Amino acid sequence: MKFIDCHCHIAENFFYKKMDFFVNEWDKLGIKKIGAMATNPKSTKRNLELASKYPDLFIAGVGRHPWGAHKFTIEERESFEKIVCDSRAEIIGEIGLDHYFVKEKEKYPQQKIVLEFFLELAQKYSKPVMLHMTGAENDILDILTTFQLEGNICCHWYSGPIDVLRKLSDLGCYFSINPAFLRSKNHRNVLKFVSKEKLLTESDGPVKFQGEPGSPSLMPYLCEKIAEELKITTEDVSNQIFLNYQAYKK
């Protein structure tokens, strides 16, 4: 079987410093594509480098995570406007809003400015988007309706309200499932209300799962658990996710 991890922070030192080891491990497990998510200029640069070194495996994301949006500068803006034109920059992400983990409300306006900047780039260059929206699901929905994005949108690790989930689904969004669905009722709602043609799989590594750093190695286990939830075979899940990812990033 072949597996996809659409959202992993491979530029983090946990992976980056032992990349050859991990790539060999993932190959043995049948991991075929990994979406390399960026959080800042440094991880963006590393993603592009890794996409050059392992072009068959890594799909490079570029962007600025909302946790660091308050650090966004004019120089960064100018740099990202050039980087997004790089043929290796296939996805804009991880970008979005966070009104849950970020407690300082004075940072929210800058998050919105940075998000809209990257959505403008996605619209201009028809790039797919990977969204973080913790605690700001309604706000993101409102912002998305003001854009005409030709590239696809993926809602990463969605755990928000069901009514917003349905509206995002109506917009044609994809949703990435994390192993956390096993203990999160809100995240499990994605499997209940989203068609299987719009599902993707992710680890969000090295964010921890059950006390250990998450990684693409979790994808066979994740597909097995999704299969149990949907009452289909693991192979059916694997094949469907592979097709979905091809459609998402085209």
C-alpha atoms as a PDB file:
ATOM      1  CA  MET A   1       0.000   0.000   0.000  1.00  0.00           C
ATOM      2  CA  LYS A   2       1.019   3.616  -0.514  1.00  0.00           C
ATOM      3  CA  PHE A   3       0.546   6.333   2.079  1.00  0.00           C
ATOM      4  CA  ILE A   4       0.424  10.137   2.179  1.00  0.00           C
ATOM      5  CA  ASP A   5       1.354  12.554   4.964  1.00  0.00           C
ATOM      6  CA  CYS A   6       0.050  15.870   3.673  1.00  0.00           C
ATOM      7  CA  HIS A   7       1.181  17.948   6.657  1.00  0.00           C
ATOM      8  CA  CYS A   8       4.504  17.410   8.413  1.00  0.00           C
ATOM      9  CA  HIS A   9       7.133  19.875   9.613  1.00  0.00           C
ATOM     10  CA  ILE A  10      10.147  18.104   8.155  1.00  0.00           C
ATOM     11  CA  ALA A  11      12.246  21.284   8.387  1.00  0.00           C
ATOM     12  CA  GLU A  12      12.269  20.927  12.185  1.00  0.00           C
ATOM     13  CA  ASN A  13      15.620  19.762  13.533  1.00  0.00           C
ATOM     14  CA  PHE A  14      14.050  16.537  14.817  1.00  0.00           C
ATOM     15  CA  PHE A  15      13.755  15.386  11.185  1.00  0.00           C
ATOM     16  CA  TYR A  16      16.169  17.671   9.372  1.00  0.00           C
ATOM     17  CA  LYS A  17      19.331  16.543  11.152  1.00  0.00           C
ATOM     18  CA  LYS A  18      18.679  12.856  10.364  1.00  0.00           C
ATOM     19  CA  MET A  19      16.849  13.210   7.086  1.00  0.00           C
ATOM     20  CA  ASP A  20      18.559  10.377   5.197  1.00  0.00           C
ATOM     21  CA  PHE A  21      17.687   7.982   8.027  1.00  0.00           C
ATOM     22  CA  PHE A  22      14.045   9.046   8.074  1.00  0.00           C
ATOM     23  CA  VAL A  23      13.656   8.974   4.294  1.00  0.00           C
ATOM     24  CA  ASN A  24      14.900   5.395   4.249  1.00  0.00           C
ATOM     25  CA  GLU A  25      12.486   4.456   7.053  1.00  0.00           C
ATOM     26  CA  TRP A  26       9.524   6.096   5.320  1.00  0.00           C
ATOM     27  CA  ASP A  27      10.333   4.404   2.021  1.00  0.00           C
ATOM     28  CA  LYS A  28      10.184   0.988   3.685  1.00  0.00           C
ATOM     29  CA  LEU A  29       6.726   1.837   5.060  1.00  0.00           C
ATOM     30  CA  GLY A  30       5.363   2.893   1.684  1.00  0.00           C
ATOM     31  CA  ILE A  31       5.184   6.630   2.368  1.00  0.00           C
ATOM     32  CA  LYS A  32       4.993   8.096  -1.131  1.00  0.00           C
ATOM     33  CA  LYS A  33       4.426  11.835  -0.587  1.00  0.00           C
ATOM     34  CA  ILE A  34       4.988  14.190   2.342  1.00  0.00           C
ATOM     35  CA  GLY A  35       3.681  17.738   2.420  1.00  0.00           C
ATOM     36  CA  ALA A  36       6.505  19.774   3.970  1.00  0.00           C
ATOM     37  CA  MET A  37       4.856  22.563   5.915  1.00  0.00           C
ATOM     38  CA  ALA A  38       6.564  25.896   6.595  1.00  0.00           C
ATOM     39  CA  THR A  39       6.173  28.116   9.627  1.00  0.00           C
ATOM     40  CA  ASN A  40       8.657  30.900   8.823  1.00  0.00           C
ATOM     41  CA  PRO A  41      11.340  31.939   6.293  1.00  0.00           C
ATOM     42  CA  LYS A  42      13.887  29.425   7.652  1.00  0.00           C
ATOM     43  CA  SER A  43      11.608  26.409   7.327  1.00  0.00           C
ATOM     44  CA  THR A  44      10.438  27.653   3.936  1.00  0.00           C
ATOM     45  CA  LYS A  45      14.035  27.677   2.698  1.00  0.00           C
ATOM     46  CA  ARG A  46      14.704  24.223   4.121  1.00  0.00           C
ATOM     47  CA  ASN A  47      11.544  22.847   2.487  1.00  0.00           C
ATOM     48  CA  LEU A  48      12.679  24.065  -0.916  1.00  0.00           C
ATOM     49  CA  GLU A  49      16.124  22.547  -0.403  1.00  0.00           C
ATOM     50  CA  LEU A  50      14.658  19.201   0.643  1.00  0.00           C
ATOM     51  CA  ALA A  51      12.253  19.212  -2.304  1.00  0.00           C
ATOM     52  CA  SER A  52      15.302  19.571  -4.555  1.00  0.00           C
ATOM     53  CA  LYS A  53      17.168  16.729  -2.824  1.00  0.00           C
ATOM     54  CA  TYR A  54      14.177  14.368  -2.629  1.00  0.00           C
ATOM     55  CA  PRO A  55      11.887  15.538  -5.451  1.00  0.00           C
ATOM     56  CA  ASP A  56       9.844  12.332  -5.552  1.00  0.00           C
ATOM     57  CA  LEU A  57       8.966  12.481  -1.866  1.00  0.00           C
ATOM     58  CA  PHE A  58       8.602  16.035  -0.563  1.00  0.00           C
ATOM     59  CA  ILE A  59       6.025  18.616  -1.640  1.00  0.00           C
ATOM     60  CA  ALA A  60       7.353  21.970  -0.454  1.00  0.00           C
ATOM     61  CA  GLY A  61       5.106  24.364   1.418  1.00  0.00           C
ATOM     62  CA  VAL A  62       5.983  28.040   1.908  1.00  0.00           C
ATOM     63  CA  GLY A  63       4.459  30.457   4.370  1.00  0.00           C
ATOM     64  CA  ARG A  64       4.263  32.030   7.816  1.00  0.00           C
ATOM     65  CA  HIS A  65       2.398  30.264  10.635  1.00  0.00           C
ATOM     66  CA  PRO A  66      -0.074  32.457  12.586  1.00  0.00           C
ATOM     67  CA  TRP A  67       1.911  31.945  15.803  1.00  0.00           C
ATOM     68  CA  GLY A  68       4.663  34.061  14.257  1.00  0.00           C
ATOM     69  CA  ALA A  69       2.526  36.470  12.246  1.00  0.00           C
ATOM     70  CA  HIS A  70       3.430  39.339  14.590  1.00  0.00           C
ATOM     71  CA  LYS A  71       7.053  38.955  13.419  1.00  0.00           C
ATOM     72  CA  PHE A  72       6.172  39.371   9.733  1.00  0.00           C
ATOM     73  CA  THR A  73       8.211  42.146   8.087  1.00  0.00           C
ATOM     74  CA  ILE A  74       8.248  44.109   4.852  1.00  0.00           C
ATOM     75  CA  GLU A  75      11.415  42.206   3.924  1.00  0.00           C
ATOM     76  CA  GLU A  76       9.616  38.897   4.448  1.00  0.00           C
ATOM     77  CA  ARG A  77       6.726  40.060   2.304  1.00  0.00           C
ATOM     78  CA  GLU A  78       9.061  40.913  -0.545  1.00  0.00           C
ATOM     79  CA  SER A  79      10.926  37.629  -0.152  1.00  0.00           C
ATOM     80  CA  PHE A  80       7.776  35.490  -0.174  1.00  0.00           C
ATOM     81  CA  GLU A  81       6.479  37.292  -3.260  1.00  0.00           C
ATOM     82  CA  LYS A  82       9.553  35.944  -5.076  1.00  0.00           C
ATOM     83  CA  ILE A  83       9.662  32.521  -3.408  1.00  0.00           C
ATOM     84  CA  VAL A  84       6.093  31.661  -4.343  1.00  0.00           C
ATOM     85  CA  CYS A  85       7.101  31.798  -8.015  1.00  0.00           C
ATOM     86  CA  ASP A  86       9.700  29.050  -7.461  1.00  0.00           C
ATOM     87  CA  SER A  87       8.576  25.866  -9.209  1.00  0.00           C
ATOM     88  CA  ARG A  88       9.417  23.894  -6.056  1.00  0.00           C
ATOM     89  CA  ALA A  89       6.925  25.936  -3.998  1.00  0.00           C
ATOM     90  CA  GLU A  90       3.872  23.757  -4.621  1.00  0.00           C
ATOM     91  CA  ILE A  91       1.752  24.623  -1.571  1.00  0.00           C
ATOM     92  CA  ILE A  92       1.172  27.777   0.453  1.00  0.00           C
ATOM     93  CA  GLY A  93       1.138  26.689   4.052  1.00  0.00           C
ATOM     94  CA  GLU A  94       0.992  26.468   6.892  1.00  0.00           C
ATOM     95  CA  ILE A  95      -0.931  29.731   7.116  1.00  0.00           C
ATOM     96  CA  GLY A  96      -4.062  30.819   8.935  1.00  0.00           C
ATOM     97  CA  LEU A  97      -5.432  32.201  12.185  1.00  0.00           C
ATOM     98  CA  ASP A  98      -5.125  31.011  15.776  1.00  0.00           C
ATOM     99  CA  HIS A  99      -7.393  32.511  18.429  1.00  0.00           C
ATOM    100  CA  TYR A 100      -7.052  29.559  20.814  1.00  0.00           C
ATOM    101  CA  PHE A 101      -3.371  29.020  21.559  1.00  0.00           C
ATOM    102  CA  VAL A 102      -2.536  32.678  20.912  1.00  0.00           C
ATOM    103  CA  LYS A 103      -4.113  34.479  23.860  1.00  0.00           C
ATOM    104  CA  GLU A 104      -2.968  38.040  23.067  1.00  0.00           C
ATOM    105  CA  LYS A 105      -5.893  39.500  21.120  1.00  0.00           C
ATOM    106  CA  GLU A 106      -3.768  42.429  20.007  1.00  0.00           C
ATOM    107  CA  LYS A 107      -1.976  39.955  17.707  1.00  0.00           C
ATOM    108  CA  TYR A 108      -5.141  38.945  15.855  1.00  0.00           C
ATOM    109  CA  PRO A 109      -5.241  41.847  13.363  1.00  0.00           C
ATOM    110  CA  GLN A 110      -1.698  41.045  12.198  1.00  0.00           C
ATOM    111  CA  GLN A 111      -2.619  37.379  11.800  1.00  0.00           C
ATOM    112  CA  LYS A 112      -5.411  38.452   9.456  1.00  0.00           C
ATOM    113  CA  ILE A 113      -3.093  40.720   7.455  1.00  0.00           C
ATOM    114  CA  VAL A 114      -0.561  37.913   6.984  1.00  0.00           C
ATOM    115  CA  LEU A 115      -3.236  35.348   6.088  1.00  0.00           C
ATOM    116  CA  GLU A 116      -4.794  37.628   3.484  1.00  0.00           C
ATOM    117  CA  PHE A 117      -1.358  38.361   2.009  1.00  0.00           C
ATOM    118  CA  PHE A 118      -0.723  34.657   1.435  1.00  0.00           C
ATOM    119  CA  LEU A 119      -4.235  34.032   0.142  1.00  0.00           C
ATOM    120  CA  GLU A 120      -3.660  36.803  -2.386  1.00  0.00           C
ATOM    121  CA  LEU A 121      -0.531  34.962  -3.550  1.00  0.00           C
ATOM    122  CA  ALA A 122      -2.463  31.684  -3.702  1.00  0.00           C
ATOM    123  CA  GLN A 123      -5.152  33.369  -5.782  1.00  0.00           C
ATOM    124  CA  LYS A 124      -2.648  35.050  -8.092  1.00  0.00           C
ATOM    125  CA  TYR A 125      -0.586  31.916  -8.741  1.00  0.00           C
ATOM    126  CA  SER A 126      -3.321  29.262  -8.372  1.00  0.00           C
ATOM    127  CA  LYS A 127      -1.513  27.469  -5.554  1.00  0.00           C
ATOM    128  CA  PRO A 128      -3.196  25.055  -3.122  1.00  0.00           C
ATOM    129  CA  VAL A 129      -3.407  26.214   0.494  1.00  0.00           C
ATOM    130  CA  MET A 130      -2.921  24.491   3.858  1.00  0.00           C
ATOM    131  CA  LEU A 131      -4.882  26.254   6.612  1.00  0.00           C
ATOM    132  CA  HIS A 132      -4.499  26.429  10.386  1.00  0.00           C
ATOM    133  CA  MET A 133      -7.696  27.749  11.981  1.00  0.00           C
ATOM    134  CA  THR A 134      -7.741  26.829  15.668  1.00  0.00           C
ATOM    135  CA  GLY A 135     -10.371  28.849  17.487  1.00  0.00           C
ATOM    136  CA  ALA A 136     -10.922  31.051  14.435  1.00  0.00           C
ATOM    137  CA  GLU A 137     -13.004  28.839  12.173  1.00  0.00           C
ATOM    138  CA  ASN A 138     -15.763  31.377  11.555  1.00  0.00           C
ATOM    139  CA  ASP A 139     -13.251  34.128  10.832  1.00  0.00           C
ATOM    140  CA  ILE A 140     -11.437  31.980   8.275  1.00  0.00           C
ATOM    141  CA  LEU A 141     -14.711  31.026   6.611  1.00  0.00           C
ATOM    142  CA  ASP A 142     -15.629  34.715   6.275  1.00  0.00           C
ATOM    143  CA  ILE A 143     -12.222  35.546   4.796  1.00  0.00           C
ATOM    144  CA  LEU A 144     -12.313  32.670   2.301  1.00  0.00           C
ATOM    145  CA  THR A 145     -15.612  33.889   0.884  1.00  0.00           C
ATOM    146  CA  THR A 146     -13.906  37.153  -0.136  1.00  0.00           C
ATOM    147  CA  PHE A 147     -11.404  35.312  -2.365  1.00  0.00           C
ATOM    148  CA  GLN A 148     -11.726  33.418  -5.620  1.00  0.00           C
ATOM    149  CA  LEU A 149      -9.141  30.720  -5.124  1.00  0.00           C
ATOM    150  CA  GLU A 150      -8.488  28.412  -8.053  1.00  0.00           C
ATOM    151  CA  GLY A 151      -6.101  26.288  -6.032  1.00  0.00           C
ATOM    152  CA  ASN A 152      -7.536  23.811  -3.528  1.00  0.00           C
ATOM    153  CA  ILE A 153      -7.862  24.443   0.211  1.00  0.00           C
ATOM    154  CA  CYS A 154      -7.082  21.951   2.978  1.00  0.00           C
ATOM    155  CA  CYS A 155      -8.290  22.534   6.523  1.00  0.00           C
ATOM    156  CA  HIS A 156      -5.597  21.022   8.719  1.00  0.00           C
ATOM    157  CA  TRP A 157      -6.634  19.071  11.860  1.00  0.00           C
ATOM    158  CA  TYR A 158     -10.124  20.642  11.917  1.00  0.00           C
ATOM    159  CA  SER A 159     -11.744  20.527  15.378  1.00  0.00           C
ATOM    160  CA  GLY A 160     -14.193  23.395  15.159  1.00  0.00           C
ATOM    161  CA  PRO A 161     -17.978  23.805  15.016  1.00  0.00           C
ATOM    162  CA  ILE A 162     -19.988  21.407  12.867  1.00  0.00           C
ATOM    163  CA  ASP A 163     -21.920  24.190  11.112  1.00  0.00           C
ATOM    164  CA  VAL A 164     -18.658  25.796   9.933  1.00  0.00           C
ATOM    165  CA  LEU A 165     -17.336  22.371   8.950  1.00  0.00           C
ATOM    166  CA  ARG A 166     -20.352  21.901   6.706  1.00  0.00           C
ATOM    167  CA  LYS A 167     -19.919  25.351   5.131  1.00  0.00           C
ATOM    168  CA  LEU A 168     -16.220  24.768   4.485  1.00  0.00           C
ATOM    169  CA  SER A 169     -17.114  21.424   2.960  1.00  0.00           C
ATOM    170  CA  ASP A 170     -19.660  23.164   0.729  1.00  0.00           C
ATOM    171  CA  LEU A 171     -16.820  25.416  -0.475  1.00  0.00           C
ATOM    172  CA  GLY A 172     -15.022  22.281  -1.665  1.00  0.00           C
ATOM    173  CA  CYS A 173     -12.352  22.200   1.027  1.00  0.00           C
ATOM    174  CA  TYR A 174     -10.275  19.152   1.812  1.00  0.00           C
ATOM    175  CA  PHE A 175      -9.740  18.089   5.429  1.00  0.00           C
ATOM    176  CA  SER A 176      -6.646  16.367   6.806  1.00  0.00           C
ATOM    177  CA  ILE A 177      -7.167  13.726   9.466  1.00  0.00           C
ATOM    178  CA  ASN A 178      -4.637  13.438  12.294  1.00  0.00           C
ATOM    179  CA  PRO A 179      -4.210  10.420  14.626  1.00  0.00           C
ATOM    180  CA  ALA A 180      -5.693  12.715  17.290  1.00  0.00           C
ATOM    181  CA  PHE A 181      -9.150  11.840  15.916  1.00  0.00           C
ATOM    182  CA  LEU A 182      -8.945   8.737  18.099  1.00  0.00           C
ATOM    183  CA  ARG A 183      -9.350  10.872  21.219  1.00  0.00           C
ATOM    184  CA  SER A 184     -10.993  14.011  19.838  1.00  0.00           C
ATOM    185  CA  LYS A 185     -14.743  13.934  19.243  1.00  0.00           C
ATOM    186  CA  ASN A 186     -14.632  17.270  17.438  1.00  0.00           C
ATOM    187  CA  HIS A 187     -11.925  16.099  15.049  1.00  0.00           C
ATOM    188  CA  ARG A 188     -13.757  12.804  14.470  1.00  0.00           C
ATOM    189  CA  ASN A 189     -16.670  14.848  13.126  1.00  0.00           C
ATOM    190  CA  VAL A 190     -14.627  15.322   9.948  1.00  0.00           C
ATOM    191  CA  LEU A 191     -15.014  11.612   9.221  1.00  0.00           C
ATOM    192  CA  LYS A 192     -18.743  11.846   9.898  1.00  0.00           C
ATOM    193  CA  PHE A 193     -19.580  14.864   7.766  1.00  0.00           C
ATOM    194  CA  VAL A 194     -16.965  15.060   4.983  1.00  0.00           C
ATOM    195  CA  SER A 195     -17.049  12.822   1.917  1.00  0.00           C
ATOM    196  CA  LYS A 196     -14.164  10.385   1.674  1.00  0.00           C
ATOM    197  CA  GLU A 197     -13.138  12.047  -1.606  1.00  0.00           C
ATOM    198  CA  LYS A 198     -12.153  15.144   0.385  1.00  0.00           C
ATOM    199  CA  LEU A 199     -10.112  13.451   3.119  1.00  0.00           C
ATOM    200  CA  LEU A 200      -6.332  13.579   3.505  1.00  0.00           C
ATOM    201  CA  THR A 201      -4.013  12.119   6.146  1.00  0.00           C
ATOM    202  CA  GLU A 202      -1.426  13.963   8.220  1.00  0.00           C
ATOM    203  CA  SER A 203       0.909  13.564  11.181  1.00  0.00           C
ATOM    204  CA  ASP A 204       1.698  17.236  11.913  1.00  0.00           C
ATOM    205  CA  GLY A 205       5.031  15.813  13.066  1.00  0.00           C
ATOM    206  CA  PRO A 206       6.981  16.300  15.170  1.00  0.00           C
ATOM    207  CA  VAL A 207       3.929  17.343  17.248  1.00  0.00           C
ATOM    208  CA  LYS A 208       3.562  14.501  19.739  1.00  0.00           C
ATOM    209  CA  PHE A 209       1.037  11.677  19.538  1.00  0.00           C
ATOM    210  CA  GLN A 210       0.644   9.467  22.610  1.00  0.00           C
ATOM    211  CA  GLY A 211       3.773  10.989  24.111  1.00  0.00           C
ATOM    212  CA  GLU A 212       6.039  10.403  21.102  1.00  0.00           C
ATOM    213  CA  PRO A 213       6.978  12.724  18.222  1.00  0.00           C
ATOM    214  CA  GLY A 214       4.562  12.274  15.347  1.00  0.00           C
ATOM    215  CA  SER A 215       5.946  11.464  11.916  1.00  0.00           C
ATOM    216  CA  PRO A 216       4.925  10.078   8.519  1.00  0.00           C
ATOM    217  CA  SER A 217       5.601   6.633  10.003  1.00  0.00           C
ATOM    218  CA  LEU A 218       2.159   6.901  11.619  1.00  0.00           C
ATOM    219  CA  MET A 219       0.329   6.892   8.279  1.00  0.00           C
ATOM    220  CA  PRO A 220      -0.207   3.095   7.949  1.00  0.00           C
ATOM    221  CA  TYR A 221      -1.611   3.016  11.486  1.00  0.00           C
ATOM    222  CA  LEU A 222      -3.751   6.090  10.808  1.00  0.00           C
ATOM    223  CA  CYS A 223      -5.221   4.610   7.634  1.00  0.00           C
ATOM    224  CA  GLU A 224      -6.006   1.409   9.512  1.00  0.00           C
ATOM    225  CA  LYS A 225      -7.906   3.346  12.186  1.00  0.00           C
ATOM    226  CA  ILE A 226      -9.749   5.470   9.617  1.00  0.00           C
ATOM    227  CA  ALA A 227     -10.753   2.259   7.850  1.00  0.00           C
ATOM    228  CA  GLU A 228     -12.194   0.902  11.091  1.00  0.00           C
ATOM    229  CA  GLU A 229     -14.162   4.124  11.601  1.00  0.00           C
ATOM    230  CA  LEU A 230     -15.531   4.134   8.040  1.00  0.00           C
ATOM    231  CA  LYS A 231     -16.022   0.340   7.950  1.00  0.00           C
ATOM    232  CA  ILE A 232     -13.974  -0.131   4.783  1.00  0.00           C
ATOM    233  CA  THR A 233     -10.579  -1.740   4.153  1.00  0.00           C
ATOM    234  CA  THR A 234      -7.250  -0.085   4.919  1.00  0.00           C
ATOM    235  CA  GLU A 235      -6.300  -0.521   1.273  1.00  0.00           C
ATOM    236  CA  ASP A 236      -9.438   1.336   0.195  1.00  0.00           C
ATOM    237  CA  VAL A 237      -8.492   4.219   2.513  1.00  0.00           C
ATOM    238  CA  SER A 238      -4.904   4.244   1.287  1.00  0.00           C
ATOM    239  CA  ASN A 239      -5.935   4.304  -2.369  1.00  0.00           C
ATOM    240  CA  GLN A 240      -8.578   6.979  -1.824  1.00  0.00           C
ATOM    241  CA  ILE A 241      -6.203   9.273   0.097  1.00  0.00           C
ATOM    242  CA  PHE A 242      -3.586   8.891  -2.631  1.00  0.00           C
ATOM    243  CA  LEU A 243      -6.087   9.956  -5.290  1.00  0.00           C
ATOM    244  CA  ASN A 244      -7.357  12.794  -3.109  1.00  0.00           C
ATOM    245  CA  TYR A 245      -3.856  14.182  -2.610  1.00  0.00           C
ATOM    246  CA  GLN A 246      -3.175  14.136  -6.327  1.00  0.00           C
ATOM    247  CA  ALA A 247      -6.379  16.121  -6.866  1.00  0.00           C
ATOM    248  CA  TYR A 248      -5.625  18.540  -3.992  1.00  0.00           C
ATOM    249  CA  LYS A 249      -2.179  19.601  -5.152  1.00  0.00           C
ATOM    250  CA  LYS A 250      -2.796  19.690  -8.896  1.00  0.00           C
END
